[in-house]
Amino acid sequence: MRYWSTVPFRHGPIDVVKYSAAPSPDNPARPLQRRNPKGLQDELIRHLREDRTMGRFDFGIQFLDADKMTYWGKHRDADFWIENASVEWSEAEAPFHTVARLTLLPRSRLGPEESDATYFDVTGHSTPDSTPLGSINRARWPAEVASRKARLTRAVGSQETLKVGAFRLESLTHDRRTTLGKRPVLVPAAYATQCRPAERAGCETEDRVSTLGERQ
């Protein structure tokens, strides 16, 4: 199963990208029990406990290239591609480039209490060079914060929750210049002035994103 970011992120000071994690074709796996509603979870638990070779995923980035990308045969500006999360970036026009490999670590499973206390705040923990962009990213942050607060404050149930606790990240050679063979796509000014979440209170730019995810 291939995973996608769906929504775009800043990649350095001038680029915008989407992410993908594609499983290695030789990942060890057993046939799923289709009648088991927790079939994927049970197979992942078994894999972490029993298999000698751990599953791997190739981590790829897809650069926004508004000069090449088209929608219904027409070129659109970068703002269109950033704001419309439902519009797919064609891989024929903007291919993914593998830059790293993620490898699961054996027995890297968190217990119920550790799992409940674990979360990933993509927006809050972003850096100026990796800020989430677009309308969906702005809208989802307050919902994610509310959901996390509810999850962290509820009583831990009796049923175990699965979390993969760790993986190894292997960086691969990647040259931005040789990959695209052209100048980078400039981020529109509206996005170039966004502040990282931790610095929003003191941000003096005219186009600022508030803590509620709304453009001011």
C-alpha atoms as a PDB file:
ATOM      1  CA  MET A   1       0.000   0.000   0.000  1.00  0.00           C
ATOM      2  CA  ARG A   2       1.421   3.351  -1.032  1.00  0.00           C
ATOM      3  CA  TYR A   3       0.995   6.355   1.261  1.00  0.00           C
ATOM      4  CA  TRP A   4       0.619   9.975   0.119  1.00  0.00           C
ATOM      5  CA  SER A   5       0.695  13.374   1.783  1.00  0.00           C
ATOM      6  CA  THR A   6      -2.107  14.544  -0.572  1.00  0.00           C
ATOM      7  CA  VAL A   7      -1.463  18.119   0.557  1.00  0.00           C
ATOM      8  CA  PRO A   8       1.637  20.239  -0.260  1.00  0.00           C
ATOM      9  CA  PHE A   9       4.476  21.407   1.955  1.00  0.00           C
ATOM     10  CA  ARG A  10       7.275  23.910   1.644  1.00  0.00           C
ATOM     11  CA  HIS A  11      10.608  22.339   0.688  1.00  0.00           C
ATOM     12  CA  GLY A  12      13.288  24.888   1.400  1.00  0.00           C
ATOM     13  CA  PRO A  13      12.821  28.608   0.776  1.00  0.00           C
ATOM     14  CA  ILE A  14      11.400  28.445  -2.767  1.00  0.00           C
ATOM     15  CA  ASP A  15      10.069  24.957  -3.538  1.00  0.00           C
ATOM     16  CA  VAL A  16       6.745  23.234  -2.836  1.00  0.00           C
ATOM     17  CA  VAL A  17       6.405  19.442  -2.731  1.00  0.00           C
ATOM     18  CA  LYS A  18       4.150  16.523  -1.933  1.00  0.00           C
ATOM     19  CA  TYR A  19       5.379  13.350  -0.222  1.00  0.00           C
ATOM     20  CA  SER A  20       4.981   9.654  -0.886  1.00  0.00           C
ATOM     21  CA  ALA A  21       6.027   6.455   0.889  1.00  0.00           C
ATOM     22  CA  ALA A  22       6.001   3.436  -1.419  1.00  0.00           C
ATOM     23  CA  PRO A  23       6.526  -0.082  -0.022  1.00  0.00           C
ATOM     24  CA  SER A  24       9.355  -2.204  -1.348  1.00  0.00           C
ATOM     25  CA  PRO A  25       8.028  -4.961  -3.646  1.00  0.00           C
ATOM     26  CA  ASP A  26       9.982  -7.599  -1.714  1.00  0.00           C
ATOM     27  CA  ASN A  27       8.600  -6.705   1.720  1.00  0.00           C
ATOM     28  CA  PRO A  28       7.786  -9.925   3.618  1.00  0.00           C
ATOM     29  CA  ALA A  29       4.069 -10.475   4.198  1.00  0.00           C
ATOM     30  CA  ARG A  30       1.505 -13.207   4.578  1.00  0.00           C
ATOM     31  CA  PRO A  31      -1.977 -13.323   3.038  1.00  0.00           C
ATOM     32  CA  LEU A  32      -4.480 -11.261   5.015  1.00  0.00           C
ATOM     33  CA  GLN A  33      -7.418 -12.856   6.778  1.00  0.00           C
ATOM     34  CA  ARG A  34     -10.121 -10.988   4.901  1.00  0.00           C
ATOM     35  CA  ARG A  35     -12.807 -11.723   7.476  1.00  0.00           C
ATOM     36  CA  ASN A  36     -10.642 -10.298  10.250  1.00  0.00           C
ATOM     37  CA  PRO A  37     -11.456  -6.567  10.716  1.00  0.00           C
ATOM     38  CA  LYS A  38      -7.998  -6.121  12.259  1.00  0.00           C
ATOM     39  CA  GLY A  39      -6.221  -8.100   9.567  1.00  0.00           C
ATOM     40  CA  LEU A  40      -3.738  -5.368   8.625  1.00  0.00           C
ATOM     41  CA  GLN A  41      -2.945  -4.629  12.270  1.00  0.00           C
ATOM     42  CA  ASP A  42      -2.462  -8.281  13.134  1.00  0.00           C
ATOM     43  CA  GLU A  43      -0.195  -8.858  10.148  1.00  0.00           C
ATOM     44  CA  LEU A  44       1.950  -5.828  11.045  1.00  0.00           C
ATOM     45  CA  ILE A  45       2.280  -7.085  14.635  1.00  0.00           C
ATOM     46  CA  ARG A  46       3.273 -10.524  13.384  1.00  0.00           C
ATOM     47  CA  HIS A  47       5.779  -8.988  10.955  1.00  0.00           C
ATOM     48  CA  LEU A  48       7.481  -6.951  13.676  1.00  0.00           C
ATOM     49  CA  ARG A  49       7.685  -9.965  15.986  1.00  0.00           C
ATOM     50  CA  GLU A  50       8.638 -12.776  13.644  1.00  0.00           C
ATOM     51  CA  ASP A  51      10.200 -11.742  10.343  1.00  0.00           C
ATOM     52  CA  ARG A  52      13.971 -11.401  10.070  1.00  0.00           C
ATOM     53  CA  THR A  53      13.775  -8.888   7.216  1.00  0.00           C
ATOM     54  CA  MET A  54      11.859  -5.725   8.052  1.00  0.00           C
ATOM     55  CA  GLY A  55       9.554  -3.859   5.699  1.00  0.00           C
ATOM     56  CA  ARG A  56      10.950  -0.871   3.801  1.00  0.00           C
ATOM     57  CA  PHE A  57       9.371   2.169   2.186  1.00  0.00           C
ATOM     58  CA  ASP A  58      10.922   4.467  -0.387  1.00  0.00           C
ATOM     59  CA  PHE A  59      10.285   8.069   0.616  1.00  0.00           C
ATOM     60  CA  GLY A  60       9.760  10.334  -2.383  1.00  0.00           C
ATOM     61  CA  ILE A  61       9.149  14.025  -3.020  1.00  0.00           C
ATOM     62  CA  GLN A  62       7.202  15.516  -5.912  1.00  0.00           C
ATOM     63  CA  PHE A  63       8.161  19.056  -6.885  1.00  0.00           C
ATOM     64  CA  LEU A  64       5.518  21.533  -7.938  1.00  0.00           C
ATOM     65  CA  ASP A  65       6.419  22.569 -11.480  1.00  0.00           C
ATOM     66  CA  ALA A  66       3.688  24.929 -12.656  1.00  0.00           C
ATOM     67  CA  ASP A  67       5.398  25.425 -16.023  1.00  0.00           C
ATOM     68  CA  LYS A  68       4.899  21.747 -16.899  1.00  0.00           C
ATOM     69  CA  MET A  69       1.794  20.744 -14.955  1.00  0.00           C
ATOM     70  CA  THR A  70      -1.628  21.052 -16.579  1.00  0.00           C
ATOM     71  CA  TYR A  71      -5.242  20.731 -15.486  1.00  0.00           C
ATOM     72  CA  TRP A  72      -7.736  19.841 -18.211  1.00  0.00           C
ATOM     73  CA  GLY A  73      -5.064  20.700 -20.734  1.00  0.00           C
ATOM     74  CA  LYS A  74      -4.383  24.172 -19.336  1.00  0.00           C
ATOM     75  CA  HIS A  75      -1.480  25.528 -17.320  1.00  0.00           C
ATOM     76  CA  ARG A  76      -2.339  26.987 -13.919  1.00  0.00           C
ATOM     77  CA  ASP A  77      -0.351  29.158 -11.576  1.00  0.00           C
ATOM     78  CA  ALA A  78       1.329  27.752  -8.479  1.00  0.00           C
ATOM     79  CA  ASP A  79      -1.422  29.091  -6.230  1.00  0.00           C
ATOM     80  CA  PHE A  80      -3.961  26.816  -7.947  1.00  0.00           C
ATOM     81  CA  TRP A  81      -1.921  23.691  -7.291  1.00  0.00           C
ATOM     82  CA  ILE A  82      -1.232  24.641  -3.674  1.00  0.00           C
ATOM     83  CA  GLU A  83      -4.803  25.527  -2.720  1.00  0.00           C
ATOM     84  CA  ASN A  84      -6.662  22.651  -4.423  1.00  0.00           C
ATOM     85  CA  ALA A  85      -5.785  19.502  -2.505  1.00  0.00           C
ATOM     86  CA  SER A  86      -8.284  17.448  -4.522  1.00  0.00           C
ATOM     87  CA  VAL A  87      -6.377  18.074  -7.756  1.00  0.00           C
ATOM     88  CA  GLU A  88      -3.791  15.389  -8.379  1.00  0.00           C
ATOM     89  CA  TRP A  89      -0.310  16.356  -9.502  1.00  0.00           C
ATOM     90  CA  SER A  90       0.288  14.120 -12.506  1.00  0.00           C
ATOM     91  CA  GLU A  91       3.401  11.999 -12.090  1.00  0.00           C
ATOM     92  CA  ALA A  92       3.901  12.151 -15.847  1.00  0.00           C
ATOM     93  CA  GLU A  93       4.384  15.916 -15.516  1.00  0.00           C
ATOM     94  CA  ALA A  94       5.872  16.045 -12.018  1.00  0.00           C
ATOM     95  CA  PRO A  95       7.459  12.701 -11.110  1.00  0.00           C
ATOM     96  CA  PHE A  96       8.329  11.584  -7.586  1.00  0.00           C
ATOM     97  CA  HIS A  97      12.025  11.410  -6.717  1.00  0.00           C
ATOM     98  CA  THR A  98      13.161   8.916  -4.081  1.00  0.00           C
ATOM     99  CA  VAL A  99      15.334  10.666  -1.507  1.00  0.00           C
ATOM    100  CA  ALA A 100      15.316   8.283   1.473  1.00  0.00           C
ATOM    101  CA  ARG A 101      14.349   4.794   2.593  1.00  0.00           C
ATOM    102  CA  LEU A 102      12.381   4.030   5.753  1.00  0.00           C
ATOM    103  CA  THR A 103      12.974   0.632   7.370  1.00  0.00           C
ATOM    104  CA  LEU A 104      10.869  -0.665  10.244  1.00  0.00           C
ATOM    105  CA  LEU A 105      12.772  -1.780  13.321  1.00  0.00           C
ATOM    106  CA  PRO A 106      12.106  -5.242  14.779  1.00  0.00           C
ATOM    107  CA  ARG A 107       9.688  -5.335  17.731  1.00  0.00           C
ATOM    108  CA  SER A 108       9.220  -1.569  17.522  1.00  0.00           C
ATOM    109  CA  ARG A 109       5.731  -1.661  18.937  1.00  0.00           C
ATOM    110  CA  LEU A 110       4.460   0.720  21.595  1.00  0.00           C
ATOM    111  CA  GLY A 111       2.262  -0.410  24.455  1.00  0.00           C
ATOM    112  CA  PRO A 112      -1.231   1.051  25.013  1.00  0.00           C
ATOM    113  CA  GLU A 113      -0.128   3.867  27.355  1.00  0.00           C
ATOM    114  CA  GLU A 114       2.844   4.861  25.203  1.00  0.00           C
ATOM    115  CA  SER A 115       0.672   4.731  22.116  1.00  0.00           C
ATOM    116  CA  ASP A 116      -1.965   7.019  23.600  1.00  0.00           C
ATOM    117  CA  ALA A 117       0.690   9.552  24.560  1.00  0.00           C
ATOM    118  CA  THR A 118       2.287   9.596  21.101  1.00  0.00           C
ATOM    119  CA  TYR A 119       1.289  12.153  18.490  1.00  0.00           C
ATOM    120  CA  PHE A 120       2.690  13.998  15.487  1.00  0.00           C
ATOM    121  CA  ASP A 121       1.938  17.696  15.187  1.00  0.00           C
ATOM    122  CA  VAL A 122       2.950  18.287  11.582  1.00  0.00           C
ATOM    123  CA  THR A 123       2.079  21.992  11.697  1.00  0.00           C
ATOM    124  CA  GLY A 124       3.271  22.814  15.199  1.00  0.00           C
ATOM    125  CA  HIS A 125       6.583  21.016  14.743  1.00  0.00           C
ATOM    126  CA  SER A 126       7.298  22.276  11.239  1.00  0.00           C
ATOM    127  CA  THR A 127      10.317  24.392  10.406  1.00  0.00           C
ATOM    128  CA  PRO A 128      10.324  27.454   8.127  1.00  0.00           C
ATOM    129  CA  ASP A 129      11.577  25.178   5.333  1.00  0.00           C
ATOM    130  CA  SER A 130       8.869  22.501   5.793  1.00  0.00           C
ATOM    131  CA  THR A 131       5.705  24.479   6.585  1.00  0.00           C
ATOM    132  CA  PRO A 132       2.396  22.873   5.504  1.00  0.00           C
ATOM    133  CA  LEU A 133       0.725  24.897   2.733  1.00  0.00           C
ATOM    134  CA  GLY A 134      -2.754  25.265   1.278  1.00  0.00           C
ATOM    135  CA  SER A 135      -6.324  25.569   2.493  1.00  0.00           C
ATOM    136  CA  ILE A 136      -6.665  22.001   3.802  1.00  0.00           C
ATOM    137  CA  ASN A 137      -3.496  22.284   5.859  1.00  0.00           C
ATOM    138  CA  ARG A 138      -4.720  25.576   7.329  1.00  0.00           C
ATOM    139  CA  ALA A 139      -8.120  24.091   8.161  1.00  0.00           C
ATOM    140  CA  ARG A 140      -7.004  20.765   9.589  1.00  0.00           C
ATOM    141  CA  TRP A 141      -4.625  22.009  12.278  1.00  0.00           C
ATOM    142  CA  PRO A 142      -7.285  23.162  14.804  1.00  0.00           C
ATOM    143  CA  ALA A 143      -9.195  19.921  14.190  1.00  0.00           C
ATOM    144  CA  GLU A 144      -6.069  17.863  14.807  1.00  0.00           C
ATOM    145  CA  VAL A 145      -5.312  19.787  17.994  1.00  0.00           C
ATOM    146  CA  ALA A 146      -8.854  19.238  19.300  1.00  0.00           C
ATOM    147  CA  SER A 147      -8.750  15.551  18.394  1.00  0.00           C
ATOM    148  CA  ARG A 148      -5.396  15.105  20.099  1.00  0.00           C
ATOM    149  CA  LYS A 149      -6.584  16.806  23.276  1.00  0.00           C
ATOM    150  CA  ALA A 150      -9.641  14.544  23.392  1.00  0.00           C
ATOM    151  CA  ARG A 151      -7.535  11.439  22.848  1.00  0.00           C
ATOM    152  CA  LEU A 152      -4.913  12.372  25.432  1.00  0.00           C
ATOM    153  CA  THR A 153      -7.499  13.164  28.096  1.00  0.00           C
ATOM    154  CA  ARG A 154      -9.748  10.136  27.676  1.00  0.00           C
ATOM    155  CA  ALA A 155      -9.281   7.086  29.845  1.00  0.00           C
ATOM    156  CA  VAL A 156      -7.073   4.413  28.343  1.00  0.00           C
ATOM    157  CA  GLY A 157      -9.339   1.595  27.157  1.00  0.00           C
ATOM    158  CA  SER A 158      -8.735  -2.057  27.659  1.00  0.00           C
ATOM    159  CA  GLN A 159      -8.101  -2.752  23.978  1.00  0.00           C
ATOM    160  CA  GLU A 160      -4.490  -2.436  22.835  1.00  0.00           C
ATOM    161  CA  THR A 161      -3.694   0.200  20.245  1.00  0.00           C
ATOM    162  CA  LEU A 162      -1.023  -0.510  17.691  1.00  0.00           C
ATOM    163  CA  LYS A 163       1.736   1.954  16.981  1.00  0.00           C
ATOM    164  CA  VAL A 164       4.972   1.260  15.196  1.00  0.00           C
ATOM    165  CA  GLY A 165       7.477   2.758  17.559  1.00  0.00           C
ATOM    166  CA  ALA A 166      10.540   3.268  15.416  1.00  0.00           C
ATOM    167  CA  PHE A 167      12.066   3.050  11.983  1.00  0.00           C
ATOM    168  CA  ARG A 168      15.453   3.670  10.454  1.00  0.00           C
ATOM    169  CA  LEU A 169      15.857   6.488   7.950  1.00  0.00           C
ATOM    170  CA  GLU A 170      18.447   6.061   5.226  1.00  0.00           C
ATOM    171  CA  SER A 171      19.165   9.124   3.121  1.00  0.00           C
ATOM    172  CA  LEU A 172      19.757   8.574  -0.575  1.00  0.00           C
ATOM    173  CA  THR A 173      21.744  10.741  -2.973  1.00  0.00           C
ATOM    174  CA  HIS A 174      19.551  13.468  -4.406  1.00  0.00           C
ATOM    175  CA  ASP A 175      20.614  16.502  -6.369  1.00  0.00           C
ATOM    176  CA  ARG A 176      17.808  19.035  -6.809  1.00  0.00           C
ATOM    177  CA  ARG A 177      19.507  20.637  -9.778  1.00  0.00           C
ATOM    178  CA  THR A 178      20.106  17.471 -11.777  1.00  0.00           C
ATOM    179  CA  THR A 179      16.636  16.132 -10.969  1.00  0.00           C
ATOM    180  CA  LEU A 180      14.671  18.898 -12.620  1.00  0.00           C
ATOM    181  CA  GLY A 181      17.300  20.364 -14.884  1.00  0.00           C
ATOM    182  CA  LYS A 182      15.783  23.839 -14.635  1.00  0.00           C
ATOM    183  CA  ARG A 183      15.356  26.695 -12.225  1.00  0.00           C
ATOM    184  CA  PRO A 184      13.238  25.976  -9.112  1.00  0.00           C
ATOM    185  CA  VAL A 185       9.600  27.035  -9.064  1.00  0.00           C
ATOM    186  CA  LEU A 186       9.212  30.139  -6.943  1.00  0.00           C
ATOM    187  CA  VAL A 187       6.712  29.993  -4.099  1.00  0.00           C
ATOM    188  CA  PRO A 188       4.019  32.686  -4.450  1.00  0.00           C
ATOM    189  CA  ALA A 189       4.588  35.670  -2.188  1.00  0.00           C
ATOM    190  CA  ALA A 190       1.539  34.786  -0.098  1.00  0.00           C
ATOM    191  CA  TYR A 191       3.226  31.578   1.012  1.00  0.00           C
ATOM    192  CA  ALA A 192       6.732  32.961   1.237  1.00  0.00           C
ATOM    193  CA  THR A 193       5.587  35.218   4.068  1.00  0.00           C
ATOM    194  CA  GLN A 194       3.921  32.607   6.251  1.00  0.00           C
ATOM    195  CA  CYS A 195       5.414  32.211   9.722  1.00  0.00           C
ATOM    196  CA  ARG A 196       6.200  28.978  11.511  1.00  0.00           C
ATOM    197  CA  PRO A 197       3.602  28.318  14.233  1.00  0.00           C
ATOM    198  CA  ALA A 198       5.901  28.985  17.186  1.00  0.00           C
ATOM    199  CA  GLU A 199       6.676  32.458  15.858  1.00  0.00           C
ATOM    200  CA  ARG A 200       3.215  33.596  14.785  1.00  0.00           C
ATOM    201  CA  ALA A 201       2.624  35.873  17.749  1.00  0.00           C
ATOM    202  CA  GLY A 202       5.484  38.136  16.757  1.00  0.00           C
ATOM    203  CA  CYS A 203       5.195  37.851  13.013  1.00  0.00           C
ATOM    204  CA  GLU A 204       5.055  41.218  11.290  1.00  0.00           C
ATOM    205  CA  THR A 205       4.197  40.092   7.756  1.00  0.00           C
ATOM    206  CA  GLU A 206       1.031  41.287   6.052  1.00  0.00           C
ATOM    207  CA  ASP A 207      -0.020  37.780   5.011  1.00  0.00           C
ATOM    208  CA  ARG A 208       0.022  35.815   8.236  1.00  0.00           C
ATOM    209  CA  VAL A 209      -1.573  32.537   9.233  1.00  0.00           C
ATOM    210  CA  SER A 210      -3.311  32.667  12.602  1.00  0.00           C
ATOM    211  CA  THR A 211      -3.380  29.883  15.179  1.00  0.00           C
ATOM    212  CA  LEU A 212      -6.864  29.016  13.936  1.00  0.00           C
ATOM    213  CA  GLY A 213      -5.513  28.294  10.496  1.00  0.00           C
ATOM    214  CA  GLU A 214      -7.208  31.247   8.811  1.00  0.00           C
ATOM    215  CA  ARG A 215      -5.458  33.690   6.538  1.00  0.00           C
ATOM    216  CA  GLN A 216      -5.450  37.195   8.057  1.00  0.00           C
END
